[in-house]
């Protein structure tokens, strides 16, 4: 594997630390609306299950299958790995 160093950036000499942006104080109504939106979002997130049972069932079925992963996928991956190792 090769690393392309062309995209690695180095810090500029003498660069200053970023200055925090100045914000105007929010109007009273804006803060209340923002808080209400945040509270509604938090409630919606509580309703979403952390574990999706349908994905658990799907993964379990794949793991139990003798045909997973497909032989073609294993062959292709092994060829890619062999090509990568041979090229080093």
C-alpha atoms as a PDB file:
ATOM      1  CA  UNK A   1       0.000   0.000   0.000  1.00  0.00           C
ATOM      2  CA  UNK A   2       1.310   3.434  -0.855  1.00  0.00           C
ATOM      3  CA  UNK A   3       0.568   6.669   0.922  1.00  0.00           C
ATOM      4  CA  UNK A   4       0.175   9.721  -1.252  1.00  0.00           C
ATOM      5  CA  UNK A   5       1.932  12.470   0.682  1.00  0.00           C
ATOM      6  CA  UNK A   6       0.839  15.129  -1.788  1.00  0.00           C
ATOM      7  CA  UNK A   7      -2.306  15.724   0.242  1.00  0.00           C
ATOM      8  CA  UNK A   8      -0.635  15.897   3.658  1.00  0.00           C
ATOM      9  CA  UNK A   9      -0.694  19.482   4.839  1.00  0.00           C
ATOM     10  CA  UNK A  10       1.763  20.996   7.248  1.00  0.00           C
ATOM     11  CA  UNK A  11       0.926  23.910   9.544  1.00  0.00           C
ATOM     12  CA  UNK A  12       1.942  27.331   8.315  1.00  0.00           C
ATOM     13  CA  UNK A  13       4.831  28.889  10.138  1.00  0.00           C
ATOM     14  CA  UNK A  14       3.680  31.688  12.369  1.00  0.00           C
ATOM     15  CA  UNK A  15       0.008  30.858  11.942  1.00  0.00           C
ATOM     16  CA  UNK A  16      -2.191  32.214  14.689  1.00  0.00           C
ATOM     17  CA  UNK A  17      -4.781  30.272  16.599  1.00  0.00           C
ATOM     18  CA  UNK A  18      -8.299  30.699  15.184  1.00  0.00           C
ATOM     19  CA  UNK A  19     -10.341  33.441  16.761  1.00  0.00           C
ATOM     20  CA  UNK A  20     -13.744  32.498  18.100  1.00  0.00           C
ATOM     21  CA  UNK A  21     -16.615  33.865  16.046  1.00  0.00           C
ATOM     22  CA  UNK A  22     -18.658  36.591  17.668  1.00  0.00           C
ATOM     23  CA  UNK A  23     -22.356  35.953  17.923  1.00  0.00           C
ATOM     24  CA  UNK A  24     -25.093  38.430  18.494  1.00  0.00           C
ATOM     25  CA  UNK A  25     -27.296  37.659  21.497  1.00  0.00           C
ATOM     26  CA  UNK A  26     -30.363  35.661  20.531  1.00  0.00           C
ATOM     27  CA  UNK A  27     -33.830  37.066  20.893  1.00  0.00           C
ATOM     28  CA  UNK A  28     -35.902  35.547  23.702  1.00  0.00           C
ATOM     29  CA  UNK A  29     -38.279  33.807  21.268  1.00  0.00           C
ATOM     30  CA  UNK A  30     -35.420  32.262  19.292  1.00  0.00           C
ATOM     31  CA  UNK A  31     -33.987  30.540  22.352  1.00  0.00           C
ATOM     32  CA  UNK A  32     -37.363  29.100  23.308  1.00  0.00           C
ATOM     33  CA  UNK A  33     -37.944  27.791  19.771  1.00  0.00           C
ATOM     34  CA  UNK A  34     -34.497  26.224  19.668  1.00  0.00           C
ATOM     35  CA  UNK A  35     -35.008  24.560  23.043  1.00  0.00           C
ATOM     36  CA  UNK A  36     -38.387  23.191  21.964  1.00  0.00           C
ATOM     37  CA  UNK A  37     -36.861  21.784  18.775  1.00  0.00           C
ATOM     38  CA  UNK A  38     -34.073  20.154  20.754  1.00  0.00           C
ATOM     39  CA  UNK A  39     -36.513  18.637  23.220  1.00  0.00           C
ATOM     40  CA  UNK A  40     -38.650  17.271  20.363  1.00  0.00           C
ATOM     41  CA  UNK A  41     -35.574  15.775  18.701  1.00  0.00           C
ATOM     42  CA  UNK A  42     -34.477  14.125  21.947  1.00  0.00           C
ATOM     43  CA  UNK A  43     -37.934  12.598  22.383  1.00  0.00           C
ATOM     44  CA  UNK A  44     -37.894  11.286  18.813  1.00  0.00           C
ATOM     45  CA  UNK A  45     -34.465   9.733  19.390  1.00  0.00           C
ATOM     46  CA  UNK A  46     -35.725   7.982  22.514  1.00  0.00           C
ATOM     47  CA  UNK A  47     -38.411   6.298  20.383  1.00  0.00           C
ATOM     48  CA  UNK A  48     -35.827   4.770  18.011  1.00  0.00           C
ATOM     49  CA  UNK A  49     -34.589   1.393  19.247  1.00  0.00           C
ATOM     50  CA  UNK A  50     -30.838   1.126  19.800  1.00  0.00           C
ATOM     51  CA  UNK A  51     -30.860  -2.442  18.493  1.00  0.00           C
ATOM     52  CA  UNK A  52     -32.727  -3.146  15.268  1.00  0.00           C
ATOM     53  CA  UNK A  53     -34.111  -6.651  15.634  1.00  0.00           C
ATOM     54  CA  UNK A  54     -34.612  -7.156  11.890  1.00  0.00           C
ATOM     55  CA  UNK A  55     -30.873  -6.556  11.316  1.00  0.00           C
ATOM     56  CA  UNK A  56     -29.977  -8.962  14.121  1.00  0.00           C
ATOM     57  CA  UNK A  57     -32.133 -11.649  12.489  1.00  0.00           C
ATOM     58  CA  UNK A  58     -30.577 -10.954   9.074  1.00  0.00           C
ATOM     59  CA  UNK A  59     -27.015 -11.135  10.426  1.00  0.00           C
ATOM     60  CA  UNK A  60     -27.763 -14.309  12.366  1.00  0.00           C
ATOM     61  CA  UNK A  61     -29.146 -15.971   9.242  1.00  0.00           C
ATOM     62  CA  UNK A  62     -26.062 -14.981   7.240  1.00  0.00           C
ATOM     63  CA  UNK A  63     -23.660 -16.292   9.870  1.00  0.00           C
ATOM     64  CA  UNK A  64     -25.539 -19.588  10.120  1.00  0.00           C
ATOM     65  CA  UNK A  65     -25.547 -20.028   6.343  1.00  0.00           C
ATOM     66  CA  UNK A  66     -22.870 -22.364   4.965  1.00  0.00           C
ATOM     67  CA  UNK A  67     -22.892 -20.326   1.735  1.00  0.00           C
ATOM     68  CA  UNK A  68     -21.926 -17.023   3.351  1.00  0.00           C
ATOM     69  CA  UNK A  69     -19.828 -15.333   2.210  1.00  0.00           C
ATOM     70  CA  UNK A  70     -20.230 -16.626  -1.343  1.00  0.00           C
ATOM     71  CA  UNK A  71     -17.249 -18.543  -2.745  1.00  0.00           C
ATOM     72  CA  UNK A  72     -16.946 -16.030  -5.599  1.00  0.00           C
ATOM     73  CA  UNK A  73     -16.413 -13.212  -3.092  1.00  0.00           C
ATOM     74  CA  UNK A  74     -13.750 -15.215  -1.227  1.00  0.00           C
ATOM     75  CA  UNK A  75     -11.974 -15.979  -4.525  1.00  0.00           C
ATOM     76  CA  UNK A  76     -12.018 -12.347  -5.636  1.00  0.00           C
ATOM     77  CA  UNK A  77     -10.745 -11.088  -2.281  1.00  0.00           C
ATOM     78  CA  UNK A  78      -7.977 -13.672  -2.204  1.00  0.00           C
ATOM     79  CA  UNK A  79      -6.882 -12.638  -5.728  1.00  0.00           C
ATOM     80  CA  UNK A  80      -6.832  -8.984  -4.701  1.00  0.00           C
ATOM     81  CA  UNK A  81      -4.757  -9.771  -1.617  1.00  0.00           C
ATOM     82  CA  UNK A  82      -2.356 -11.938  -3.606  1.00  0.00           C
ATOM     83  CA  UNK A  83      -1.937  -9.189  -6.214  1.00  0.00           C
ATOM     84  CA  UNK A  84      -1.294  -6.631  -3.471  1.00  0.00           C
ATOM     85  CA  UNK A  85       1.276  -8.849  -1.750  1.00  0.00           C
ATOM     86  CA  UNK A  86       2.993  -9.714  -5.047  1.00  0.00           C
ATOM     87  CA  UNK A  87       3.232  -6.036  -5.952  1.00  0.00           C
ATOM     88  CA  UNK A  88       5.112  -5.093  -2.774  1.00  0.00           C
END
